[in-house]
């Protein structure tokens, strides 16, 4: 995943901000009667602090209107539009930026970042390599090239560029971390990477950077079966990023259940929403097989891989899902056909930017849409929902051992007890969805998927209403973009080595096991054992 463009702007030692004096002067010259207008810069910065991207973009476009050649304003427009997931707007200004200053390397990095997010990875690589030619050896540019190659499965090329970044900056935590994730290591290489990570620790600026180094060391130590040492690094990494005051996520779970109480609620609203079957939602705990499942779906000629779309979660949050009180419940209960169709169309328009319209169907594999199954069922009554299940201890351990920079994940994954509580809430919520939406959700057990891949792939195609194609079983050759932590594994033949991985770490997992509850763990194993493939 690429670095935040906003963060890149803030880090730059020269021209770190917009030339606000020029903008303000031009603005007041255009409107001399305005004496009490707040500082445009201050207003935009306030909007950014509040993550009011719409407000920030409005202010930046005002700034651009009075200083059309100011490339620093253009860079901020690209950065904020990118953060707001308005990728068409980001691409528009990134292209304008490159046209205005074609010989400035960072402009091509900005364009490449947006193109990569739009799935135009080959074009993104060209833009990044242009930046590298203009200003050779910049670690962030080299990392951008490496990450882009990794998303398309070209891991040898990715490793080559991560290596170049390390040559330019031997303590580059991102290069060390990405190198660790890009292949399975033998003992000699693994121990060398551990030495690199430990040498870089004193030079890491922030806890997030230090955590990346610990995750890298833990990953390669796991590769060579030094599990106690690996876990020590995983714990050190998570301790560094564990929030002091994590959000109470029980509010989100409670609001969600209350908003979608029973089957009668859905029956009374069965005719609202959009009739399309285009989106295929793949949900579950992170690290539960969502990427593998998407790769099977996207190997079909009528399906495009959409990766993890943020739009549904953003809509639920805007409706009040995560806030105390009954606001979410009241809004959902009063949802009209007009509003439901408008929300559905807004989601589809967002996905047209990020996925395109090459095929009749596309996937959205945002795992935490398990929170939004009820909202999905209202907005898209004909959409298919696949639930990826995996042994709770395996999915939680995998999540605990991975670097997750998103603030949402850090609210629950960096502490074993809190992670277990989150997993238990997830399991309870999925039981609720099966109760109130019988037959709408197709359960897929990860352990059975890797043991009986074709059998499960055929069942998925039947559930989706798609004719079987033999190409589905060649899914590892698919060239679709994979930008998640599974990007190396999903290109490999289906493997079973991660089944039961938790047993190798069992002595460290006491708080996790206690929080999930033995009854829940037993129920999962009984459900898996009950699968009948006769």
Foldseek 3Di string as FASTA:
>chain_A
DADQLLVVLCPDPPCSAFPQVQLVVLVCVVVVVDDPDDRLVVQLVVCVVVVVLVSNLVSLVSSCVRVVLRLRSLSVNLRSCVVVLVLVSNLVSLVVSCVSPVLALVSLQSNLVSCVLLQVLVSSLVSLVSSCVSPNQDLSSLQSNLLSCLQQPNLVSSLVSLVSSCVSPVLQLSSLLVNLLSDQDDDVVLVVSLVSLVVNQVVDDALLSNLSSLLSNLSNCVSHLVNVSSVVSLLSSLVSLQDPDFAPCVQLLVLLCLLQPAQVLCVVQVPAADAAQAEAEEAEQPPQCLVLLQLLVCLDPQEFEQEADCLLVVVLVVQPSRHPDNSNSVCSSPDDSVNLHVSLVVSVVSSCSRTNPNHSHYYHYNHVCLSVPVSCCNHHVNYAYEYRHEQLLLSLVVLSSDSDPDSVCSSANSDLLSVLLVNLSSVVSVVSCCRNPPPRYHYDYPQVCLVPVVVVSVVVCVRSVHDDDPSSQVSLNDSGGHNDSCSNVSNDHRDNVSHPPSVSVVVVNVSNDVNNDPVNSVVVVVVVVPDDPD
